[in-house]
Amino acid sequence: MKKYLKVIGVILGVIIILGIIFFAVDYVRVQKQEKPIFCIQNPAGIINDGGTIEYFGLGYKVIDFHTLAGFDDIKIGTWFMDYNDFEEEMKKYEKEFEEELNKNKEYVINLFELKEISSITIDTLAQYDNEKEFNDEESIEEIYEVFADKKTHIESVNDIPVNPDILYFVKFKNDSGNYKSAYIYKKDNQYYIEQPYNGIYQVTEDEYTRIEKVVK
C-alpha cells in the first residue's frame, strides 16, 4: 500500500513539476504575445467573435483574443479564467470600433426605384394647403435625380434640426400606395435634404433650384 501511494506521489510530483515548467515557458511566450506550445486547443473550436481561440495546459488556460472590434491580446491564467473576465477591456475596443464605423459610415438616401414611382407630392410647408402632385414622367425624373443616390458623412438624426427654414415636404409614392418622404430645408445659407431616420444630405443651390422650377 505504501509503495502504491509512493508511486502515485511520484507521478503527481512529476505532473506538478511538468505543469510548472510548461506554465513558465508558456507564460514567457504569452508576455511576448506568442502562442503557447504546451497547450491543446479547445475542442469546441474558434469562438465566434472574429477568431478568439482558447488553449488548455496542465492546470492553466490561455486565451488568444482576436475580436472583430480589434481586441488582439493573449491572456494566461488558471482553468477558471473565463472569456468574460476581460469584458471591460473588450468594450473599450468595441466602443472605438463603433465610433470609427460611424465616422466613416456613408449614408445613402433610400427611395423607391425610379421605375416604381407612380407620383411625387410636394407640399410647401410654409403654406400647408399648397400641395402639388406630379405624375408625369418628366417631372418625376427631374425631382428624383435631385434626391437619388445622395451620399454624405453627415450624422444621421431622427428629427429636423432646431429652427430650420423648412421649404418643402416631398413624398415619393409607388403603385401600391406606399410612400417614402423627405424634407428640404435651408440652414445657415445651405440647402439640405433629410430623410427621417436615414440621414441628412447636403444639396447644391442648383439642385434646389431644379426643385423650385418643377414646383412653380
N, C-alpha and C. Protein backbone atom coordinates (compact mmCIF):
# COMPACT_ATOMS: atom_id res chain seq x y z
N MET A 1 0.82 -1.20 0.00
CA MET A 1 0.00 0.00 0.00
C MET A 1 0.86 1.25 0.00
N LYS A 2 1.90 1.22 0.88
CA LYS A 2 2.80 2.38 0.95
C LYS A 2 3.52 2.59 -0.37
N LYS A 3 3.90 1.44 -0.98
CA LYS A 3 4.61 1.51 -2.25
C LYS A 3 3.70 2.10 -3.33
N TYR A 4 2.43 1.72 -3.26
CA TYR A 4 1.44 2.20 -4.22
C TYR A 4 1.25 3.71 -4.08
N LEU A 5 1.14 4.17 -2.81
CA LEU A 5 0.98 5.60 -2.55
C LEU A 5 2.21 6.38 -2.99
N LYS A 6 3.38 5.73 -2.79
CA LYS A 6 4.64 6.37 -3.17
C LYS A 6 4.70 6.59 -4.68
N VAL A 7 4.27 5.54 -5.41
CA VAL A 7 4.26 5.64 -6.88
C VAL A 7 3.32 6.77 -7.32
N ILE A 8 2.13 6.82 -6.68
CA ILE A 8 1.17 7.87 -7.02
C ILE A 8 1.75 9.25 -6.71
N GLY A 9 2.45 9.33 -5.56
CA GLY A 9 3.05 10.60 -5.17
C GLY A 9 4.11 11.04 -6.16
N VAL A 10 4.93 10.08 -6.61
CA VAL A 10 5.97 10.41 -7.60
C VAL A 10 5.34 10.90 -8.90
N ILE A 11 4.28 10.20 -9.34
CA ILE A 11 3.61 10.58 -10.59
C ILE A 11 3.01 11.99 -10.48
N LEU A 12 2.34 12.21 -9.33
CA LEU A 12 1.76 13.55 -9.12
C LEU A 12 2.83 14.63 -9.07
N GLY A 13 3.95 14.28 -8.42
CA GLY A 13 5.06 15.23 -8.33
C GLY A 13 5.61 15.58 -9.70
N VAL A 14 5.76 14.54 -10.54
CA VAL A 14 6.26 14.77 -11.91
C VAL A 14 5.29 15.65 -12.69
N ILE A 15 3.98 15.35 -12.52
CA ILE A 15 2.97 16.16 -13.23
C ILE A 15 3.01 17.61 -12.79
N ILE A 16 3.15 17.80 -11.48
CA ILE A 16 3.21 19.17 -10.95
C ILE A 16 4.44 19.91 -11.46
N ILE A 17 5.58 19.21 -11.42
CA ILE A 17 6.83 19.83 -11.90
C ILE A 17 6.71 20.18 -13.39
N LEU A 18 6.17 19.23 -14.18
CA LEU A 18 5.99 19.49 -15.61
C LEU A 18 5.02 20.65 -15.82
N GLY A 19 3.94 20.67 -14.99
CA GLY A 19 2.96 21.75 -15.10
C GLY A 19 3.60 23.10 -14.85
N ILE A 20 4.49 23.15 -13.83
CA ILE A 20 5.17 24.41 -13.51
C ILE A 20 6.10 24.82 -14.65
N ILE A 21 6.86 23.84 -15.18
CA ILE A 21 7.78 24.14 -16.29
C ILE A 21 7.01 24.61 -17.53
N PHE A 22 5.95 23.84 -17.87
CA PHE A 22 5.14 24.20 -19.04
C PHE A 22 4.53 25.60 -18.88
N PHE A 23 4.00 25.85 -17.67
CA PHE A 23 3.39 27.15 -17.40
C PHE A 23 4.42 28.27 -17.55
N ALA A 24 5.62 28.04 -16.99
CA ALA A 24 6.66 29.06 -17.04
C ALA A 24 7.04 29.39 -18.49
N VAL A 25 7.19 28.34 -19.29
CA VAL A 25 7.56 28.54 -20.71
C VAL A 25 6.45 29.30 -21.44
N ASP A 26 5.22 28.82 -21.26
CA ASP A 26 4.10 29.46 -21.96
C ASP A 26 3.82 30.86 -21.43
N TYR A 27 4.06 31.09 -20.14
CA TYR A 27 3.87 32.41 -19.56
C TYR A 27 4.79 33.42 -20.24
N VAL A 28 6.06 33.02 -20.40
CA VAL A 28 7.03 33.90 -21.07
C VAL A 28 6.59 34.17 -22.51
N ARG A 29 6.11 33.14 -23.17
CA ARG A 29 5.65 33.31 -24.56
C ARG A 29 4.45 34.25 -24.64
N VAL A 30 3.52 34.10 -23.70
CA VAL A 30 2.33 34.95 -23.69
C VAL A 30 2.72 36.42 -23.47
N GLN A 31 3.71 36.64 -22.59
CA GLN A 31 4.16 38.02 -22.35
C GLN A 31 4.72 38.65 -23.63
N LYS A 32 5.22 37.81 -24.52
CA LYS A 32 5.73 38.28 -25.81
C LYS A 32 4.65 38.25 -26.89
N GLN A 33 3.41 37.95 -26.43
CA GLN A 33 2.27 37.83 -27.34
C GLN A 33 2.49 36.72 -28.38
N GLU A 34 3.06 35.61 -27.91
CA GLU A 34 3.25 34.43 -28.75
C GLU A 34 2.34 33.31 -28.27
N LYS A 35 1.92 32.44 -29.17
CA LYS A 35 1.02 31.34 -28.81
C LYS A 35 1.73 30.32 -27.93
N PRO A 36 0.99 29.67 -27.02
CA PRO A 36 1.60 28.65 -26.14
C PRO A 36 1.99 27.40 -26.94
N ILE A 37 2.96 26.67 -26.43
CA ILE A 37 3.40 25.46 -27.13
C ILE A 37 3.09 24.19 -26.32
N PHE A 38 2.77 24.35 -25.03
CA PHE A 38 2.47 23.18 -24.19
C PHE A 38 0.97 23.11 -23.85
N CYS A 39 0.15 23.53 -24.78
CA CYS A 39 -1.29 23.52 -24.58
C CYS A 39 -1.98 22.84 -25.76
N ILE A 40 -3.22 22.42 -25.52
CA ILE A 40 -4.02 21.91 -26.61
C ILE A 40 -5.19 22.87 -26.84
N GLN A 41 -5.60 23.01 -28.09
CA GLN A 41 -6.70 23.92 -28.41
C GLN A 41 -8.03 23.36 -27.92
N ASN A 42 -8.89 24.23 -27.45
CA ASN A 42 -10.22 23.85 -27.00
C ASN A 42 -10.94 23.11 -28.14
N PRO A 43 -11.39 21.89 -27.90
CA PRO A 43 -12.07 21.11 -28.95
C PRO A 43 -13.32 21.78 -29.50
N ALA A 44 -13.88 22.72 -28.73
CA ALA A 44 -15.09 23.43 -29.18
C ALA A 44 -14.81 24.30 -30.38
N GLY A 45 -13.53 24.58 -30.62
CA GLY A 45 -13.16 25.36 -31.80
C GLY A 45 -13.01 26.84 -31.53
N ILE A 46 -12.93 27.60 -32.61
CA ILE A 46 -12.72 29.06 -32.53
C ILE A 46 -14.01 29.73 -32.07
N ILE A 47 -13.89 30.71 -31.17
CA ILE A 47 -15.05 31.45 -30.67
C ILE A 47 -15.54 32.38 -31.77
N ASN A 48 -16.85 32.46 -31.90
CA ASN A 48 -17.46 33.23 -32.98
C ASN A 48 -17.49 34.73 -32.66
N ASP A 49 -16.33 35.32 -32.51
CA ASP A 49 -16.24 36.76 -32.24
C ASP A 49 -15.22 37.41 -33.16
N GLY A 50 -14.76 36.66 -34.12
CA GLY A 50 -13.75 37.17 -35.04
C GLY A 50 -12.55 36.25 -35.14
N GLY A 51 -12.39 35.33 -34.15
CA GLY A 51 -11.28 34.38 -34.23
C GLY A 51 -10.56 34.07 -32.94
N THR A 52 -11.18 34.34 -31.77
CA THR A 52 -10.56 34.04 -30.48
C THR A 52 -10.46 32.53 -30.27
N ILE A 53 -9.29 32.09 -29.73
CA ILE A 53 -9.05 30.66 -29.50
C ILE A 53 -8.65 30.43 -28.04
N GLU A 54 -9.21 29.39 -27.43
CA GLU A 54 -8.83 29.00 -26.06
C GLU A 54 -7.90 27.79 -26.11
N TYR A 55 -6.91 27.79 -25.21
CA TYR A 55 -5.97 26.66 -25.10
C TYR A 55 -5.94 26.19 -23.65
N PHE A 56 -5.77 24.88 -23.46
CA PHE A 56 -5.68 24.32 -22.12
C PHE A 56 -4.32 23.66 -21.90
N GLY A 57 -3.70 24.02 -20.77
CA GLY A 57 -2.43 23.41 -20.39
C GLY A 57 -2.60 22.63 -19.09
N LEU A 58 -1.49 22.20 -18.49
CA LEU A 58 -1.54 21.46 -17.22
C LEU A 58 -1.84 22.43 -16.07
N GLY A 59 -3.13 22.62 -15.81
CA GLY A 59 -3.54 23.49 -14.71
C GLY A 59 -3.70 24.95 -15.10
N TYR A 60 -3.53 25.29 -16.34
CA TYR A 60 -3.67 26.69 -16.75
C TYR A 60 -4.36 26.78 -18.10
N LYS A 61 -4.83 27.98 -18.40
CA LYS A 61 -5.54 28.23 -19.65
C LYS A 61 -4.95 29.46 -20.33
N VAL A 62 -4.97 29.45 -21.64
CA VAL A 62 -4.53 30.61 -22.43
C VAL A 62 -5.65 30.97 -23.38
N ILE A 63 -5.98 32.27 -23.44
CA ILE A 63 -6.98 32.76 -24.39
C ILE A 63 -6.30 33.72 -25.35
N ASP A 64 -6.33 33.37 -26.62
CA ASP A 64 -5.74 34.20 -27.68
C ASP A 64 -6.87 34.98 -28.33
N PHE A 65 -7.03 36.25 -27.91
CA PHE A 65 -8.15 37.07 -28.39
C PHE A 65 -7.88 37.65 -29.78
N HIS A 66 -8.89 37.53 -30.63
CA HIS A 66 -8.90 38.18 -31.95
C HIS A 66 -10.34 38.55 -32.24
N THR A 67 -10.81 39.69 -31.76
CA THR A 67 -12.21 40.07 -31.94
C THR A 67 -12.35 40.98 -33.16
N LEU A 68 -13.57 41.05 -33.67
CA LEU A 68 -13.86 41.91 -34.82
C LEU A 68 -13.59 43.38 -34.51
N ALA A 69 -13.75 43.74 -33.24
CA ALA A 69 -13.54 45.13 -32.84
C ALA A 69 -12.06 45.50 -32.73
N GLY A 70 -11.17 44.49 -32.86
CA GLY A 70 -9.74 44.78 -32.84
C GLY A 70 -9.02 44.46 -31.54
N PHE A 71 -9.72 43.80 -30.61
CA PHE A 71 -9.06 43.39 -29.36
C PHE A 71 -8.18 42.18 -29.68
N ASP A 72 -6.88 42.40 -29.71
CA ASP A 72 -5.93 41.36 -30.13
C ASP A 72 -4.89 41.21 -29.01
N ASP A 73 -5.13 40.26 -28.13
CA ASP A 73 -4.27 40.10 -26.96
C ASP A 73 -4.29 38.63 -26.55
N ILE A 74 -3.24 38.20 -25.81
CA ILE A 74 -3.17 36.83 -25.31
C ILE A 74 -3.09 36.88 -23.79
N LYS A 75 -4.00 36.15 -23.14
CA LYS A 75 -4.08 36.13 -21.69
C LYS A 75 -3.79 34.72 -21.19
N ILE A 76 -3.18 34.62 -19.99
CA ILE A 76 -2.89 33.33 -19.38
C ILE A 76 -3.36 33.35 -17.93
N GLY A 77 -3.92 32.24 -17.48
CA GLY A 77 -4.42 32.15 -16.11
C GLY A 77 -4.77 30.71 -15.78
N THR A 78 -5.53 30.52 -14.72
CA THR A 78 -5.93 29.17 -14.31
C THR A 78 -7.05 28.67 -15.22
N TRP A 79 -7.44 27.42 -15.02
CA TRP A 79 -8.56 26.87 -15.78
C TRP A 79 -9.85 27.64 -15.51
N PHE A 80 -9.91 28.35 -14.40
CA PHE A 80 -11.11 29.11 -14.05
C PHE A 80 -11.19 30.46 -14.76
N MET A 81 -10.12 30.84 -15.44
CA MET A 81 -10.15 32.09 -16.20
C MET A 81 -11.21 31.98 -17.29
N ASP A 82 -12.03 33.05 -17.43
CA ASP A 82 -13.15 33.00 -18.36
C ASP A 82 -13.05 34.12 -19.40
N TYR A 83 -13.59 33.85 -20.56
CA TYR A 83 -13.62 34.83 -21.66
C TYR A 83 -14.20 36.17 -21.19
N ASN A 84 -15.29 36.11 -20.41
CA ASN A 84 -15.98 37.32 -19.97
C ASN A 84 -15.22 38.10 -18.90
N ASP A 85 -14.15 37.53 -18.37
CA ASP A 85 -13.34 38.25 -17.39
C ASP A 85 -12.73 39.51 -18.00
N PHE A 86 -12.64 39.55 -19.32
CA PHE A 86 -11.98 40.65 -20.00
C PHE A 86 -12.98 41.52 -20.77
N GLU A 87 -14.23 41.46 -20.30
CA GLU A 87 -15.32 42.18 -20.95
C GLU A 87 -15.06 43.68 -21.00
N GLU A 88 -14.55 44.25 -19.90
CA GLU A 88 -14.31 45.70 -19.84
C GLU A 88 -13.27 46.12 -20.87
N GLU A 89 -12.20 45.31 -21.00
CA GLU A 89 -11.17 45.62 -21.99
C GLU A 89 -11.75 45.56 -23.40
N MET A 90 -12.56 44.54 -23.64
CA MET A 90 -13.14 44.38 -24.98
C MET A 90 -14.10 45.51 -25.31
N LYS A 91 -14.83 45.99 -24.29
CA LYS A 91 -15.81 47.06 -24.50
C LYS A 91 -15.13 48.33 -25.00
N LYS A 92 -13.92 48.60 -24.51
CA LYS A 92 -13.19 49.80 -24.95
C LYS A 92 -12.91 49.72 -26.45
N TYR A 93 -12.49 48.55 -26.89
CA TYR A 93 -12.22 48.35 -28.31
C TYR A 93 -13.50 48.42 -29.13
N GLU A 94 -14.58 47.84 -28.58
CA GLU A 94 -15.85 47.85 -29.29
C GLU A 94 -16.37 49.27 -29.46
N LYS A 95 -16.19 50.10 -28.40
CA LYS A 95 -16.63 51.49 -28.47
C LYS A 95 -15.84 52.25 -29.53
N GLU A 96 -14.52 52.09 -29.53
CA GLU A 96 -13.67 52.75 -30.53
C GLU A 96 -14.01 52.27 -31.93
N PHE A 97 -14.27 50.95 -32.05
CA PHE A 97 -14.60 50.36 -33.33
C PHE A 97 -15.91 50.94 -33.87
N GLU A 98 -16.90 51.07 -32.97
CA GLU A 98 -18.20 51.60 -33.37
C GLU A 98 -18.09 53.07 -33.76
N GLU A 99 -17.29 53.84 -33.00
CA GLU A 99 -17.10 55.26 -33.32
C GLU A 99 -16.44 55.43 -34.68
N GLU A 100 -15.47 54.56 -34.97
CA GLU A 100 -14.78 54.62 -36.26
C GLU A 100 -15.73 54.27 -37.40
N LEU A 101 -16.58 53.28 -37.17
CA LEU A 101 -17.57 52.89 -38.19
C LEU A 101 -18.53 54.03 -38.46
N ASN A 102 -19.02 54.66 -37.39
CA ASN A 102 -19.96 55.76 -37.56
C ASN A 102 -19.32 56.96 -38.24
N LYS A 103 -18.02 57.18 -37.94
CA LYS A 103 -17.31 58.30 -38.54
C LYS A 103 -17.20 58.11 -40.05
N ASN A 104 -17.00 56.87 -40.46
CA ASN A 104 -16.80 56.59 -41.88
C ASN A 104 -18.05 56.07 -42.57
N LYS A 105 -19.16 56.05 -41.82
CA LYS A 105 -20.38 55.50 -42.40
C LYS A 105 -20.88 56.39 -43.52
N GLU A 106 -21.27 55.78 -44.59
CA GLU A 106 -21.76 56.52 -45.73
C GLU A 106 -23.26 56.31 -45.83
N TYR A 107 -24.02 57.38 -45.65
CA TYR A 107 -25.46 57.29 -45.73
C TYR A 107 -25.90 57.48 -47.18
N VAL A 108 -26.85 56.70 -47.60
CA VAL A 108 -27.38 56.81 -48.95
C VAL A 108 -28.89 56.98 -48.86
N ILE A 109 -29.42 58.00 -49.54
CA ILE A 109 -30.85 58.25 -49.45
C ILE A 109 -31.62 57.05 -49.98
N ASN A 110 -32.66 56.68 -49.27
CA ASN A 110 -33.38 55.43 -49.53
C ASN A 110 -34.74 55.72 -50.18
N LEU A 111 -34.80 55.59 -51.50
CA LEU A 111 -36.03 55.83 -52.23
C LEU A 111 -36.43 54.59 -53.00
N PHE A 112 -37.65 54.61 -53.53
CA PHE A 112 -38.05 53.56 -54.46
C PHE A 112 -37.20 53.70 -55.72
N GLU A 113 -37.14 52.64 -56.51
CA GLU A 113 -36.53 52.74 -57.83
C GLU A 113 -37.38 53.69 -58.69
N LEU A 114 -36.72 54.42 -59.57
CA LEU A 114 -37.43 55.39 -60.42
C LEU A 114 -38.61 54.74 -61.16
N LYS A 115 -38.39 53.54 -61.67
CA LYS A 115 -39.44 52.85 -62.45
C LYS A 115 -40.64 52.47 -61.59
N GLU A 116 -40.46 52.43 -60.25
CA GLU A 116 -41.55 52.04 -59.36
C GLU A 116 -42.41 53.23 -58.92
N ILE A 117 -41.90 54.46 -59.12
CA ILE A 117 -42.60 55.64 -58.62
C ILE A 117 -43.76 56.01 -59.54
N SER A 118 -44.96 56.11 -58.96
CA SER A 118 -46.13 56.47 -59.76
C SER A 118 -46.44 57.96 -59.66
N SER A 119 -46.08 58.58 -58.53
CA SER A 119 -46.30 60.03 -58.40
C SER A 119 -45.42 60.58 -57.28
N ILE A 120 -45.22 61.87 -57.32
CA ILE A 120 -44.48 62.58 -56.28
C ILE A 120 -45.32 63.76 -55.82
N THR A 121 -45.48 63.89 -54.51
CA THR A 121 -46.24 65.00 -53.95
C THR A 121 -45.28 65.94 -53.22
N ILE A 122 -45.41 67.23 -53.52
CA ILE A 122 -44.57 68.23 -52.86
C ILE A 122 -45.48 69.23 -52.16
N ASP A 123 -45.23 69.42 -50.88
CA ASP A 123 -46.01 70.36 -50.08
C ASP A 123 -45.08 71.48 -49.63
N THR A 124 -45.43 72.73 -49.94
CA THR A 124 -44.65 73.86 -49.42
C THR A 124 -45.12 74.08 -48.00
N LEU A 125 -44.32 73.68 -47.05
CA LEU A 125 -44.75 73.64 -45.66
C LEU A 125 -45.03 75.01 -45.06
N ALA A 126 -44.52 76.03 -45.72
CA ALA A 126 -44.83 77.38 -45.24
C ALA A 126 -46.31 77.69 -45.48
N GLN A 127 -46.92 77.00 -46.47
CA GLN A 127 -48.34 77.15 -46.76
C GLN A 127 -48.94 75.73 -46.78
N TYR A 128 -49.48 75.30 -45.70
CA TYR A 128 -49.86 73.89 -45.54
C TYR A 128 -50.94 73.42 -46.51
N ASP A 129 -51.58 74.36 -47.21
CA ASP A 129 -52.62 73.97 -48.15
C ASP A 129 -52.13 74.02 -49.60
N ASN A 130 -50.83 74.09 -49.79
CA ASN A 130 -50.28 74.26 -51.13
C ASN A 130 -49.57 72.99 -51.60
N GLU A 131 -50.29 71.88 -51.62
CA GLU A 131 -49.71 70.61 -52.02
C GLU A 131 -49.88 70.39 -53.52
N LYS A 132 -48.80 69.92 -54.15
CA LYS A 132 -48.84 69.66 -55.58
C LYS A 132 -48.41 68.23 -55.85
N GLU A 133 -49.13 67.58 -56.77
CA GLU A 133 -48.80 66.21 -57.13
C GLU A 133 -48.33 66.15 -58.57
N PHE A 134 -47.24 65.39 -58.76
CA PHE A 134 -46.66 65.24 -60.10
C PHE A 134 -46.67 63.76 -60.47
N ASN A 135 -47.27 63.47 -61.60
CA ASN A 135 -47.27 62.08 -62.07
C ASN A 135 -46.84 61.94 -63.52
N ASP A 136 -46.36 63.06 -64.09
CA ASP A 136 -45.81 62.95 -65.45
C ASP A 136 -44.35 62.51 -65.37
N GLU A 137 -43.94 61.74 -66.33
CA GLU A 137 -42.62 61.11 -66.32
C GLU A 137 -41.48 62.12 -66.23
N GLU A 138 -41.61 63.23 -66.93
CA GLU A 138 -40.53 64.23 -66.97
C GLU A 138 -40.30 64.86 -65.59
N SER A 139 -41.39 65.26 -64.93
CA SER A 139 -41.27 65.89 -63.60
C SER A 139 -40.73 64.91 -62.57
N ILE A 140 -41.26 63.67 -62.61
CA ILE A 140 -40.81 62.65 -61.66
C ILE A 140 -39.32 62.41 -61.80
N GLU A 141 -38.86 62.31 -63.03
CA GLU A 141 -37.43 62.07 -63.26
C GLU A 141 -36.58 63.24 -62.80
N GLU A 142 -37.06 64.46 -63.05
CA GLU A 142 -36.32 65.67 -62.66
C GLU A 142 -36.17 65.76 -61.14
N ILE A 143 -37.26 65.50 -60.42
CA ILE A 143 -37.22 65.55 -58.96
C ILE A 143 -36.39 64.40 -58.40
N TYR A 144 -36.59 63.22 -58.96
CA TYR A 144 -35.90 62.03 -58.48
C TYR A 144 -34.38 62.18 -58.56
N GLU A 145 -33.91 62.78 -59.65
CA GLU A 145 -32.46 62.93 -59.83
C GLU A 145 -31.82 63.79 -58.76
N VAL A 146 -32.58 64.73 -58.22
CA VAL A 146 -32.05 65.58 -57.15
C VAL A 146 -31.89 64.79 -55.85
N PHE A 147 -32.84 63.89 -55.60
CA PHE A 147 -32.85 63.14 -54.35
C PHE A 147 -32.02 61.86 -54.38
N ALA A 148 -32.04 61.18 -55.50
CA ALA A 148 -31.49 59.82 -55.55
C ALA A 148 -29.97 59.80 -55.43
N ASP A 149 -29.47 58.73 -54.79
CA ASP A 149 -28.04 58.44 -54.70
C ASP A 149 -27.24 59.52 -53.99
N LYS A 150 -27.90 60.26 -53.10
CA LYS A 150 -27.16 61.24 -52.31
C LYS A 150 -26.33 60.51 -51.26
N LYS A 151 -25.06 60.89 -51.14
CA LYS A 151 -24.17 60.24 -50.18
C LYS A 151 -23.50 61.32 -49.33
N THR A 152 -23.36 61.04 -48.03
CA THR A 152 -22.75 62.02 -47.15
C THR A 152 -22.23 61.36 -45.90
N HIS A 153 -21.37 62.04 -45.19
CA HIS A 153 -20.89 61.56 -43.90
C HIS A 153 -21.51 62.37 -42.76
N ILE A 154 -22.48 63.24 -43.10
CA ILE A 154 -23.16 63.99 -42.06
C ILE A 154 -23.94 63.03 -41.18
N GLU A 155 -23.90 63.25 -39.89
CA GLU A 155 -24.50 62.30 -38.95
C GLU A 155 -26.01 62.21 -39.14
N SER A 156 -26.53 60.99 -39.09
CA SER A 156 -27.96 60.78 -39.22
C SER A 156 -28.66 61.22 -37.93
N VAL A 157 -29.84 61.80 -38.08
CA VAL A 157 -30.63 62.20 -36.91
C VAL A 157 -32.06 61.71 -37.10
N ASN A 158 -32.84 61.77 -36.05
CA ASN A 158 -34.21 61.27 -36.11
C ASN A 158 -35.24 62.39 -36.21
N ASP A 159 -34.77 63.60 -36.30
CA ASP A 159 -35.72 64.70 -36.35
C ASP A 159 -35.08 65.87 -37.08
N ILE A 160 -35.91 66.82 -37.51
CA ILE A 160 -35.40 68.01 -38.18
C ILE A 160 -34.56 68.82 -37.18
N PRO A 161 -33.41 69.36 -37.58
CA PRO A 161 -32.59 70.17 -36.67
C PRO A 161 -33.35 71.38 -36.14
N VAL A 162 -32.82 71.96 -35.09
CA VAL A 162 -33.50 73.06 -34.41
C VAL A 162 -33.62 74.27 -35.34
N ASN A 163 -34.82 74.83 -35.42
CA ASN A 163 -35.11 76.05 -36.16
C ASN A 163 -34.62 76.08 -37.61
N PRO A 164 -34.89 75.06 -38.38
CA PRO A 164 -34.52 75.14 -39.80
C PRO A 164 -35.58 75.90 -40.57
N ASP A 165 -35.25 76.41 -41.72
CA ASP A 165 -36.20 77.05 -42.60
C ASP A 165 -36.72 75.97 -43.56
N ILE A 166 -37.80 75.28 -43.17
CA ILE A 166 -38.32 74.17 -43.97
C ILE A 166 -38.98 74.72 -45.22
N LEU A 167 -38.59 74.19 -46.35
CA LEU A 167 -39.08 74.69 -47.63
C LEU A 167 -40.11 73.76 -48.25
N TYR A 168 -39.79 72.46 -48.29
CA TYR A 168 -40.69 71.51 -48.93
C TYR A 168 -40.72 70.19 -48.17
N PHE A 169 -41.89 69.54 -48.25
CA PHE A 169 -42.04 68.18 -47.76
C PHE A 169 -42.41 67.35 -48.98
N VAL A 170 -41.61 66.31 -49.29
CA VAL A 170 -41.76 65.56 -50.53
C VAL A 170 -42.10 64.11 -50.23
N LYS A 171 -43.11 63.58 -50.93
CA LYS A 171 -43.50 62.17 -50.82
C LYS A 171 -43.31 61.48 -52.16
N PHE A 172 -42.57 60.38 -52.14
CA PHE A 172 -42.41 59.55 -53.33
C PHE A 172 -43.34 58.34 -53.17
N LYS A 173 -44.34 58.23 -54.06
CA LYS A 173 -45.33 57.16 -53.94
C LYS A 173 -45.10 56.10 -55.02
N ASN A 174 -45.41 54.85 -54.65
CA ASN A 174 -45.34 53.79 -55.66
C ASN A 174 -46.75 53.31 -56.01
N ASP A 175 -46.85 52.36 -56.89
CA ASP A 175 -48.15 51.89 -57.38
C ASP A 175 -49.00 51.28 -56.27
N SER A 176 -48.36 50.79 -55.22
CA SER A 176 -49.10 50.16 -54.13
C SER A 176 -49.67 51.17 -53.13
N GLY A 177 -49.34 52.45 -53.35
CA GLY A 177 -49.82 53.48 -52.44
C GLY A 177 -48.89 53.75 -51.28
N ASN A 178 -47.79 53.03 -51.20
CA ASN A 178 -46.78 53.29 -50.16
C ASN A 178 -45.97 54.52 -50.54
N TYR A 179 -45.38 55.16 -49.54
CA TYR A 179 -44.56 56.32 -49.87
C TYR A 179 -43.35 56.42 -48.96
N LYS A 180 -42.33 57.12 -49.46
CA LYS A 180 -41.14 57.47 -48.68
C LYS A 180 -41.01 58.98 -48.76
N SER A 181 -40.72 59.58 -47.62
CA SER A 181 -40.75 61.04 -47.55
C SER A 181 -39.39 61.64 -47.23
N ALA A 182 -39.29 62.93 -47.50
CA ALA A 182 -38.06 63.67 -47.19
C ALA A 182 -38.40 65.15 -47.07
N TYR A 183 -37.60 65.87 -46.28
CA TYR A 183 -37.75 67.31 -46.14
C TYR A 183 -36.63 68.02 -46.90
N ILE A 184 -36.94 69.19 -47.41
CA ILE A 184 -35.90 70.07 -47.92
C ILE A 184 -35.92 71.31 -47.04
N TYR A 185 -34.78 71.70 -46.52
CA TYR A 185 -34.75 72.88 -45.68
C TYR A 185 -33.45 73.65 -45.89
N LYS A 186 -33.47 74.87 -45.40
CA LYS A 186 -32.31 75.75 -45.53
C LYS A 186 -31.84 76.14 -44.13
N LYS A 187 -30.55 76.05 -43.92
CA LYS A 187 -29.99 76.45 -42.64
C LYS A 187 -28.58 77.00 -42.86
N ASP A 188 -28.34 78.19 -42.30
CA ASP A 188 -27.02 78.84 -42.45
C ASP A 188 -26.64 78.96 -43.93
N ASN A 189 -27.62 79.38 -44.73
CA ASN A 189 -27.40 79.61 -46.17
C ASN A 189 -26.98 78.36 -46.94
N GLN A 190 -27.31 77.22 -46.40
CA GLN A 190 -27.01 75.96 -47.09
C GLN A 190 -28.28 75.12 -47.16
N TYR A 191 -28.48 74.46 -48.30
CA TYR A 191 -29.67 73.63 -48.50
C TYR A 191 -29.38 72.18 -48.11
N TYR A 192 -30.39 71.55 -47.49
CA TYR A 192 -30.26 70.17 -47.06
C TYR A 192 -31.51 69.37 -47.39
N ILE A 193 -31.32 68.09 -47.59
CA ILE A 193 -32.42 67.14 -47.66
C ILE A 193 -32.25 66.23 -46.44
N GLU A 194 -33.36 65.98 -45.76
CA GLU A 194 -33.30 64.98 -44.69
C GLU A 194 -34.38 63.93 -44.92
N GLN A 195 -33.97 62.69 -44.88
CA GLN A 195 -34.93 61.60 -44.87
C GLN A 195 -34.94 61.07 -43.44
N PRO A 196 -36.04 61.27 -42.70
CA PRO A 196 -36.07 60.89 -41.28
C PRO A 196 -35.58 59.47 -41.05
N TYR A 197 -34.74 59.30 -40.02
CA TYR A 197 -34.18 58.02 -39.60
C TYR A 197 -33.14 57.48 -40.59
N ASN A 198 -32.81 58.24 -41.61
CA ASN A 198 -31.87 57.70 -42.60
C ASN A 198 -30.67 58.59 -42.84
N GLY A 199 -30.82 59.90 -42.77
CA GLY A 199 -29.64 60.73 -42.98
C GLY A 199 -29.95 62.14 -43.42
N ILE A 200 -28.96 63.01 -43.33
CA ILE A 200 -29.05 64.39 -43.80
C ILE A 200 -28.12 64.51 -45.00
N TYR A 201 -28.60 65.16 -46.05
CA TYR A 201 -27.85 65.21 -47.30
C TYR A 201 -27.73 66.65 -47.76
N GLN A 202 -26.53 67.12 -47.92
CA GLN A 202 -26.31 68.49 -48.37
C GLN A 202 -26.49 68.56 -49.88
N VAL A 203 -27.28 69.52 -50.34
CA VAL A 203 -27.52 69.68 -51.78
C VAL A 203 -27.06 71.06 -52.22
N THR A 204 -26.72 71.17 -53.49
CA THR A 204 -26.25 72.44 -54.02
C THR A 204 -27.43 73.36 -54.28
N GLU A 205 -27.13 74.64 -54.45
CA GLU A 205 -28.19 75.61 -54.75
C GLU A 205 -28.81 75.31 -56.12
N ASP A 206 -28.00 74.83 -57.06
CA ASP A 206 -28.51 74.47 -58.38
C ASP A 206 -29.52 73.34 -58.29
N GLU A 207 -29.21 72.34 -57.44
CA GLU A 207 -30.14 71.22 -57.28
C GLU A 207 -31.44 71.70 -56.66
N TYR A 208 -31.32 72.59 -55.69
CA TYR A 208 -32.54 73.12 -55.07
C TYR A 208 -33.36 73.91 -56.08
N THR A 209 -32.68 74.68 -56.92
CA THR A 209 -33.36 75.48 -57.94
C THR A 209 -34.14 74.59 -58.91
N ARG A 210 -33.60 73.41 -59.20
CA ARG A 210 -34.31 72.47 -60.07
C ARG A 210 -35.65 72.06 -59.45
N ILE A 211 -35.66 71.85 -58.15
CA ILE A 211 -36.89 71.50 -57.46
C ILE A 211 -37.86 72.67 -57.55
N GLU A 212 -37.37 73.88 -57.29
CA GLU A 212 -38.22 75.07 -57.33
C GLU A 212 -38.87 75.25 -58.69
N LYS A 213 -38.12 75.01 -59.75
CA LYS A 213 -38.64 75.18 -61.11
C LYS A 213 -39.80 74.21 -61.37
N VAL A 214 -39.62 72.95 -60.88
CA VAL A 214 -40.68 71.96 -61.08
C VAL A 214 -41.94 72.37 -60.33
N VAL A 215 -41.76 72.86 -59.09
CA VAL A 215 -42.91 73.24 -58.26
C VAL A 215 -43.64 74.43 -58.86
N LYS A 216 -42.89 75.38 -59.42
CA LYS A 216 -43.51 76.60 -59.94
C LYS A 216 -44.00 76.44 -61.36
